[in-house]
Amino acid sequence: MFQKKEIIYSETLGVCIVDDIVKLSDNRKDTYNYYLLRSVFDKAKKAYIPVENHTVQLRALITLQEAQTLQAQEDFAEKSALSRAEIAYVIENAQHMERQKHRKAR
């Protein structure tokens, strides 16, 4: 189960944040937990995905090493826009964290 404010990958939104976990009811008044996901690139894009038994692929982001390997592959340009955006996000975020670490060390 993902936690609120966790950054994950959704096959429909790409890199997104678990904005909230909400309870929604169906027509029979049964209540289910849903992830409220928001794209990190377009805050207007959101999706409600059931916490349990969802059909949309949700997963943790790839690692920096995986991102660098994928970026170096010859077929990088042929990957989906969502995959390229995830790779770029992971690399840029790692570079940002490294710059923050160096600033604190000064």
N, C-alpha and C. Protein backbone atom coordinates (compact mmCIF):
# COMPACT_ATOMS: atom_id res chain seq x y z
N MET A 1 0.85 -1.18 0.00
CA MET A 1 0.00 0.00 0.00
C MET A 1 0.90 1.24 0.00
N PHE A 2 0.53 2.20 -0.82
CA PHE A 2 1.27 3.45 -0.88
C PHE A 2 0.74 4.40 0.18
N GLN A 3 1.59 5.34 0.58
CA GLN A 3 1.24 6.29 1.61
C GLN A 3 0.97 7.67 1.01
N LYS A 4 0.23 8.49 1.74
CA LYS A 4 -0.01 9.86 1.31
C LYS A 4 1.32 10.58 1.11
N LYS A 5 1.37 11.39 0.07
CA LYS A 5 2.52 12.22 -0.31
C LYS A 5 3.66 11.42 -0.94
N GLU A 6 3.47 10.12 -1.15
CA GLU A 6 4.49 9.31 -1.80
C GLU A 6 4.46 9.58 -3.31
N ILE A 7 5.63 9.66 -3.91
CA ILE A 7 5.74 9.84 -5.36
C ILE A 7 5.86 8.44 -5.97
N ILE A 8 4.96 8.13 -6.90
CA ILE A 8 4.92 6.80 -7.52
C ILE A 8 4.75 6.94 -9.03
N TYR A 9 4.69 5.81 -9.71
CA TYR A 9 4.44 5.78 -11.15
C TYR A 9 3.11 5.09 -11.40
N SER A 10 2.29 5.73 -12.22
CA SER A 10 1.01 5.16 -12.66
C SER A 10 1.06 5.02 -14.17
N GLU A 11 0.61 3.90 -14.69
CA GLU A 11 0.67 3.72 -16.14
C GLU A 11 -0.25 4.69 -16.88
N THR A 12 -1.18 5.32 -16.19
CA THR A 12 -2.08 6.27 -16.84
C THR A 12 -1.65 7.73 -16.67
N LEU A 13 -1.02 8.07 -15.54
CA LEU A 13 -0.61 9.45 -15.27
C LEU A 13 0.89 9.66 -15.37
N GLY A 14 1.65 8.59 -15.28
CA GLY A 14 3.11 8.73 -15.21
C GLY A 14 3.51 9.00 -13.78
N VAL A 15 4.48 9.89 -13.60
CA VAL A 15 4.95 10.23 -12.26
C VAL A 15 3.85 11.02 -11.56
N CYS A 16 3.45 10.54 -10.39
CA CYS A 16 2.36 11.21 -9.68
C CYS A 16 2.58 11.12 -8.17
N ILE A 17 1.83 11.92 -7.47
CA ILE A 17 1.88 11.93 -6.02
C ILE A 17 0.57 11.35 -5.49
N VAL A 18 0.68 10.54 -4.44
CA VAL A 18 -0.52 10.06 -3.76
C VAL A 18 -0.99 11.24 -2.91
N ASP A 19 -1.92 12.00 -3.46
CA ASP A 19 -2.39 13.21 -2.81
C ASP A 19 -3.21 12.90 -1.56
N ASP A 20 -3.96 11.82 -1.63
CA ASP A 20 -4.80 11.44 -0.49
C ASP A 20 -5.27 10.01 -0.67
N ILE A 21 -5.80 9.43 0.38
CA ILE A 21 -6.49 8.14 0.33
C ILE A 21 -7.87 8.42 0.87
N VAL A 22 -8.87 8.26 -0.01
CA VAL A 22 -10.23 8.65 0.33
C VAL A 22 -11.17 7.46 0.28
N LYS A 23 -12.30 7.60 0.94
CA LYS A 23 -13.34 6.57 0.91
C LYS A 23 -14.42 7.02 -0.05
N LEU A 24 -14.77 6.15 -1.00
CA LEU A 24 -15.84 6.42 -1.95
C LEU A 24 -16.84 5.27 -1.89
N SER A 25 -18.11 5.59 -2.12
CA SER A 25 -19.17 4.59 -2.06
C SER A 25 -19.66 4.26 -3.46
N ASP A 26 -20.09 3.01 -3.62
CA ASP A 26 -20.71 2.63 -4.89
C ASP A 26 -22.22 2.73 -4.76
N ASN A 27 -22.95 2.27 -5.77
CA ASN A 27 -24.42 2.37 -5.77
C ASN A 27 -25.08 1.58 -4.64
N ARG A 28 -24.39 0.55 -4.15
CA ARG A 28 -24.96 -0.27 -3.07
C ARG A 28 -24.57 0.26 -1.70
N LYS A 29 -23.91 1.41 -1.68
CA LYS A 29 -23.46 2.05 -0.44
C LYS A 29 -22.29 1.35 0.21
N ASP A 30 -21.64 0.43 -0.53
CA ASP A 30 -20.40 -0.16 -0.04
C ASP A 30 -19.30 0.89 -0.17
N THR A 31 -18.42 0.96 0.81
CA THR A 31 -17.37 1.96 0.82
C THR A 31 -16.02 1.30 0.56
N TYR A 32 -15.22 1.96 -0.29
CA TYR A 32 -13.90 1.45 -0.65
C TYR A 32 -12.87 2.57 -0.55
N ASN A 33 -11.63 2.18 -0.24
CA ASN A 33 -10.53 3.15 -0.22
C ASN A 33 -9.99 3.34 -1.64
N TYR A 34 -9.74 4.60 -1.98
CA TYR A 34 -9.17 4.95 -3.28
C TYR A 34 -7.97 5.86 -3.08
N TYR A 35 -6.97 5.67 -3.93
CA TYR A 35 -5.87 6.63 -4.00
C TYR A 35 -6.34 7.81 -4.84
N LEU A 36 -6.10 9.00 -4.38
CA LEU A 36 -6.27 10.19 -5.22
C LEU A 36 -4.88 10.53 -5.71
N LEU A 37 -4.65 10.28 -6.99
CA LEU A 37 -3.34 10.51 -7.59
C LEU A 37 -3.37 11.80 -8.40
N ARG A 38 -2.32 12.59 -8.32
CA ARG A 38 -2.17 13.81 -9.11
C ARG A 38 -0.82 13.77 -9.84
N SER A 39 -0.86 14.10 -11.11
CA SER A 39 0.36 14.16 -11.90
C SER A 39 1.29 15.21 -11.31
N VAL A 40 2.60 14.92 -11.24
CA VAL A 40 3.54 15.93 -10.76
C VAL A 40 3.82 16.97 -11.83
N PHE A 41 3.51 16.66 -13.08
CA PHE A 41 3.78 17.57 -14.19
C PHE A 41 2.58 18.43 -14.55
N ASP A 42 1.37 17.95 -14.27
CA ASP A 42 0.15 18.69 -14.62
C ASP A 42 -0.83 18.50 -13.47
N LYS A 43 -0.88 19.47 -12.57
CA LYS A 43 -1.70 19.35 -11.35
C LYS A 43 -3.19 19.20 -11.66
N ALA A 44 -3.61 19.56 -12.88
CA ALA A 44 -5.02 19.41 -13.24
C ALA A 44 -5.38 17.94 -13.51
N LYS A 45 -4.38 17.11 -13.79
CA LYS A 45 -4.64 15.69 -14.06
C LYS A 45 -4.67 14.93 -12.75
N LYS A 46 -5.77 14.22 -12.55
CA LYS A 46 -5.90 13.41 -11.34
C LYS A 46 -6.66 12.14 -11.66
N ALA A 47 -6.53 11.16 -10.80
CA ALA A 47 -7.22 9.89 -10.97
C ALA A 47 -7.53 9.29 -9.62
N TYR A 48 -8.66 8.64 -9.54
CA TYR A 48 -9.04 7.87 -8.35
C TYR A 48 -8.85 6.39 -8.71
N ILE A 49 -7.97 5.74 -7.98
CA ILE A 49 -7.64 4.34 -8.25
C ILE A 49 -7.91 3.54 -6.98
N PRO A 50 -8.68 2.43 -7.08
CA PRO A 50 -8.94 1.63 -5.88
C PRO A 50 -7.63 1.15 -5.24
N VAL A 51 -7.58 1.21 -3.92
CA VAL A 51 -6.39 0.74 -3.21
C VAL A 51 -6.23 -0.76 -3.42
N GLU A 52 -7.34 -1.49 -3.38
CA GLU A 52 -7.31 -2.94 -3.58
C GLU A 52 -7.94 -3.28 -4.92
N ASN A 53 -7.41 -4.32 -5.53
CA ASN A 53 -7.96 -4.85 -6.78
C ASN A 53 -7.98 -3.83 -7.93
N HIS A 54 -6.96 -2.98 -8.00
CA HIS A 54 -6.92 -2.05 -9.12
C HIS A 54 -6.31 -2.74 -10.34
N THR A 55 -6.74 -2.29 -11.51
CA THR A 55 -6.22 -2.86 -12.76
C THR A 55 -5.14 -1.99 -13.37
N VAL A 56 -5.02 -0.77 -12.88
CA VAL A 56 -3.98 0.15 -13.35
C VAL A 56 -2.68 -0.21 -12.66
N GLN A 57 -1.59 -0.27 -13.43
CA GLN A 57 -0.29 -0.57 -12.82
C GLN A 57 0.19 0.63 -12.02
N LEU A 58 0.44 0.40 -10.75
CA LEU A 58 1.03 1.40 -9.86
C LEU A 58 2.30 0.77 -9.28
N ARG A 59 3.37 1.56 -9.24
CA ARG A 59 4.62 1.02 -8.69
C ARG A 59 5.48 2.16 -8.18
N ALA A 60 6.50 1.78 -7.42
CA ALA A 60 7.49 2.76 -6.97
C ALA A 60 8.26 3.26 -8.18
N LEU A 61 8.84 4.45 -8.07
CA LEU A 61 9.66 4.98 -9.15
C LEU A 61 10.89 4.09 -9.35
N ILE A 62 11.44 4.14 -10.55
CA ILE A 62 12.67 3.42 -10.81
C ILE A 62 13.81 4.09 -10.03
N THR A 63 14.89 3.36 -9.86
CA THR A 63 16.04 3.91 -9.14
C THR A 63 16.85 4.81 -10.07
N LEU A 64 17.75 5.58 -9.49
CA LEU A 64 18.63 6.44 -10.28
C LEU A 64 19.46 5.59 -11.24
N GLN A 65 19.99 4.49 -10.76
CA GLN A 65 20.80 3.62 -11.62
C GLN A 65 19.97 3.09 -12.79
N GLU A 66 18.73 2.67 -12.53
CA GLU A 66 17.86 2.20 -13.61
C GLU A 66 17.58 3.33 -14.60
N ALA A 67 17.33 4.53 -14.09
CA ALA A 67 17.04 5.67 -14.96
C ALA A 67 18.22 5.99 -15.86
N GLN A 68 19.42 5.99 -15.31
CA GLN A 68 20.62 6.28 -16.10
C GLN A 68 20.86 5.21 -17.16
N THR A 69 20.63 3.96 -16.80
CA THR A 69 20.79 2.86 -17.75
C THR A 69 19.78 3.00 -18.89
N LEU A 70 18.53 3.26 -18.55
CA LEU A 70 17.49 3.41 -19.58
C LEU A 70 17.77 4.61 -20.48
N GLN A 71 18.24 5.70 -19.90
CA GLN A 71 18.51 6.91 -20.67
C GLN A 71 19.65 6.66 -21.68
N ALA A 72 20.59 5.81 -21.33
CA ALA A 72 21.74 5.54 -22.19
C ALA A 72 21.44 4.54 -23.31
N GLN A 73 20.30 3.88 -23.24
CA GLN A 73 19.97 2.88 -24.26
C GLN A 73 19.66 3.55 -25.59
N GLU A 74 19.98 2.84 -26.66
CA GLU A 74 19.78 3.37 -28.01
C GLU A 74 18.31 3.67 -28.30
N ASP A 75 17.40 2.91 -27.72
CA ASP A 75 15.98 3.09 -28.01
C ASP A 75 15.29 4.06 -27.06
N PHE A 76 16.07 4.87 -26.34
CA PHE A 76 15.48 5.81 -25.38
C PHE A 76 14.41 6.69 -26.02
N ALA A 77 14.67 7.23 -27.18
CA ALA A 77 13.73 8.13 -27.85
C ALA A 77 12.43 7.43 -28.24
N GLU A 78 12.47 6.12 -28.35
CA GLU A 78 11.29 5.35 -28.74
C GLU A 78 10.41 4.97 -27.55
N LYS A 79 10.90 5.19 -26.35
CA LYS A 79 10.10 4.87 -25.15
C LYS A 79 8.91 5.82 -25.08
N SER A 80 7.90 5.44 -24.33
CA SER A 80 6.71 6.28 -24.21
C SER A 80 7.07 7.60 -23.53
N ALA A 81 6.26 8.60 -23.78
CA ALA A 81 6.48 9.92 -23.16
C ALA A 81 6.43 9.80 -21.65
N LEU A 82 5.55 8.96 -21.11
CA LEU A 82 5.46 8.79 -19.66
C LEU A 82 6.73 8.15 -19.11
N SER A 83 7.29 7.19 -19.82
CA SER A 83 8.53 6.54 -19.37
C SER A 83 9.70 7.52 -19.43
N ARG A 84 9.80 8.29 -20.51
CA ARG A 84 10.89 9.27 -20.61
C ARG A 84 10.76 10.32 -19.51
N ALA A 85 9.53 10.72 -19.20
CA ALA A 85 9.31 11.71 -18.14
C ALA A 85 9.72 11.14 -16.78
N GLU A 86 9.45 9.87 -16.53
CA GLU A 86 9.86 9.25 -15.26
C GLU A 86 11.39 9.23 -15.17
N ILE A 87 12.04 8.84 -16.23
CA ILE A 87 13.51 8.78 -16.24
C ILE A 87 14.08 10.17 -15.95
N ALA A 88 13.56 11.19 -16.64
CA ALA A 88 14.03 12.56 -16.44
C ALA A 88 13.77 13.02 -15.01
N TYR A 89 12.59 12.71 -14.48
CA TYR A 89 12.23 13.12 -13.12
C TYR A 89 13.20 12.52 -12.10
N VAL A 90 13.48 11.23 -12.24
CA VAL A 90 14.36 10.56 -11.27
C VAL A 90 15.77 11.15 -11.34
N ILE A 91 16.28 11.38 -12.53
CA ILE A 91 17.63 11.93 -12.67
C ILE A 91 17.68 13.36 -12.15
N GLU A 92 16.72 14.17 -12.53
CA GLU A 92 16.70 15.57 -12.07
C GLU A 92 16.53 15.66 -10.57
N ASN A 93 15.69 14.82 -9.99
CA ASN A 93 15.49 14.83 -8.54
C ASN A 93 16.77 14.41 -7.81
N ALA A 94 17.48 13.44 -8.35
CA ALA A 94 18.73 13.00 -7.73
C ALA A 94 19.77 14.12 -7.81
N GLN A 95 19.82 14.82 -8.93
CA GLN A 95 20.77 15.93 -9.06
C GLN A 95 20.42 17.05 -8.09
N HIS A 96 19.14 17.32 -7.94
CA HIS A 96 18.69 18.35 -7.00
C HIS A 96 19.08 17.98 -5.57
N MET A 97 18.87 16.73 -5.20
CA MET A 97 19.22 16.27 -3.85
C MET A 97 20.73 16.36 -3.62
N GLU A 98 21.51 16.06 -4.65
CA GLU A 98 22.97 16.13 -4.53
C GLU A 98 23.41 17.59 -4.32
N ARG A 99 22.80 18.53 -5.05
CA ARG A 99 23.12 19.95 -4.88
C ARG A 99 22.76 20.41 -3.48
N GLN A 100 21.63 19.95 -2.95
CA GLN A 100 21.19 20.32 -1.59
C GLN A 100 22.20 19.80 -0.56
N LYS A 101 22.67 18.58 -0.79
CA LYS A 101 23.63 17.97 0.14
C LYS A 101 24.94 18.76 0.16
N HIS A 102 25.40 19.21 -1.02
CA HIS A 102 26.64 19.98 -1.10
C HIS A 102 26.48 21.35 -0.43
N ARG A 103 25.32 21.96 -0.56
CA ARG A 103 25.09 23.26 0.07
C ARG A 103 25.14 23.15 1.59
N LYS A 104 24.57 22.08 2.11
CA LYS A 104 24.56 21.88 3.57
C LYS A 104 25.95 21.58 4.11
N ALA A 105 26.79 20.97 3.27
CA ALA A 105 28.15 20.61 3.70
C ALA A 105 29.07 21.82 3.79
N ARG A 106 28.71 22.92 3.16
CA ARG A 106 29.57 24.11 3.15
C ARG A 106 29.57 24.81 4.46
